[in-house]
Amino acid sequence: MPDHGAAAAVPAGFGGAFVALAFVYGLWLPVVAVPLLAAAAVMAVRGTTPREE
């Protein structure tokens, strides 16, 4: 049985990487990272697999 929040790993990974890179490249990267992390949280809570009929 697949995990319903598995697709949230991709935006969470990118968001975490952008937060880490913000220490090097500047504080504009959290402007990109925060929406990605929010989308990952929503995807993890709601689930991302197709619903069965």
C-alpha atoms as a PDB file:
ATOM      1  CA  MET A   1       0.000   0.000   0.000  1.00  0.00           C
ATOM      2  CA  PRO A   2       1.550   3.339  -1.032  1.00  0.00           C
ATOM      3  CA  ASP A   3       2.075   6.113   1.465  1.00  0.00           C
ATOM      4  CA  HIS A   4      -0.505   8.875   0.963  1.00  0.00           C
ATOM      5  CA  GLY A   5       1.969  11.690   1.694  1.00  0.00           C
ATOM      6  CA  ALA A   6       4.929  10.340  -0.267  1.00  0.00           C
ATOM      7  CA  ALA A   7       4.768  13.022  -2.964  1.00  0.00           C
ATOM      8  CA  ALA A   8       5.339  15.668  -0.290  1.00  0.00           C
ATOM      9  CA  ALA A   9       8.987  14.587  -0.056  1.00  0.00           C
ATOM     10  CA  VAL A  10       9.982  16.387  -3.259  1.00  0.00           C
ATOM     11  CA  PRO A  11       8.820  19.921  -2.339  1.00  0.00           C
ATOM     12  CA  ALA A  12       9.982  19.378   1.252  1.00  0.00           C
ATOM     13  CA  GLY A  13      13.444  18.448  -0.012  1.00  0.00           C
ATOM     14  CA  PHE A  14      13.676  21.493  -2.245  1.00  0.00           C
ATOM     15  CA  GLY A  15      12.353  23.752   0.513  1.00  0.00           C
ATOM     16  CA  GLY A  16      14.904  22.415   2.988  1.00  0.00           C
ATOM     17  CA  ALA A  17      17.708  22.853   0.471  1.00  0.00           C
ATOM     18  CA  PHE A  18      16.652  26.457  -0.201  1.00  0.00           C
ATOM     19  CA  VAL A  19      16.631  27.221   3.522  1.00  0.00           C
ATOM     20  CA  ALA A  20      20.131  25.752   3.851  1.00  0.00           C
ATOM     21  CA  LEU A  21      21.377  27.729   0.837  1.00  0.00           C
ATOM     22  CA  ALA A  22      19.940  30.936   2.304  1.00  0.00           C
ATOM     23  CA  PHE A  23      22.898  31.083   4.681  1.00  0.00           C
ATOM     24  CA  VAL A  24      25.216  31.351   1.667  1.00  0.00           C
ATOM     25  CA  TYR A  25      23.243  33.198  -1.005  1.00  0.00           C
ATOM     26  CA  GLY A  26      21.081  35.536   1.047  1.00  0.00           C
ATOM     27  CA  LEU A  27      17.741  35.899   2.681  1.00  0.00           C
ATOM     28  CA  TRP A  28      15.726  35.991  -0.531  1.00  0.00           C
ATOM     29  CA  LEU A  29      15.739  32.169  -0.742  1.00  0.00           C
ATOM     30  CA  PRO A  30      13.292  31.711   2.176  1.00  0.00           C
ATOM     31  CA  VAL A  31      10.808  33.663   0.049  1.00  0.00           C
ATOM     32  CA  VAL A  32      10.885  30.636  -2.269  1.00  0.00           C
ATOM     33  CA  ALA A  33      11.341  27.993   0.441  1.00  0.00           C
ATOM     34  CA  VAL A  34       8.430  28.904   2.715  1.00  0.00           C
ATOM     35  CA  PRO A  35       5.710  28.353   0.082  1.00  0.00           C
ATOM     36  CA  LEU A  36       7.355  25.084  -0.950  1.00  0.00           C
ATOM     37  CA  LEU A  37       7.434  23.866   2.642  1.00  0.00           C
ATOM     38  CA  ALA A  38       3.808  24.943   3.103  1.00  0.00           C
ATOM     39  CA  ALA A  39       2.791  23.021  -0.022  1.00  0.00           C
ATOM     40  CA  ALA A  40       4.671  19.968   1.254  1.00  0.00           C
ATOM     41  CA  ALA A  41       2.861  20.184   4.580  1.00  0.00           C
ATOM     42  CA  VAL A  42      -0.527  20.389   2.862  1.00  0.00           C
ATOM     43  CA  MET A  43       0.340  17.467   0.589  1.00  0.00           C
ATOM     44  CA  ALA A  44       1.480  15.368   3.548  1.00  0.00           C
ATOM     45  CA  VAL A  45      -1.673  16.090   5.557  1.00  0.00           C
ATOM     46  CA  ARG A  46      -4.228  15.715   2.763  1.00  0.00           C
ATOM     47  CA  GLY A  47      -2.532  12.864   0.957  1.00  0.00           C
ATOM     48  CA  THR A  48      -1.555  12.921  -2.679  1.00  0.00           C
ATOM     49  CA  THR A  49      -2.727   9.622  -4.135  1.00  0.00           C
ATOM     50  CA  PRO A  50      -5.779   9.483  -6.403  1.00  0.00           C
ATOM     51  CA  ARG A  51      -9.008   8.789  -4.597  1.00  0.00           C
ATOM     52  CA  GLU A  52     -10.782   5.531  -5.193  1.00  0.00           C
ATOM     53  CA  GLU A  53     -14.283   5.661  -6.576  1.00  0.00           C
END
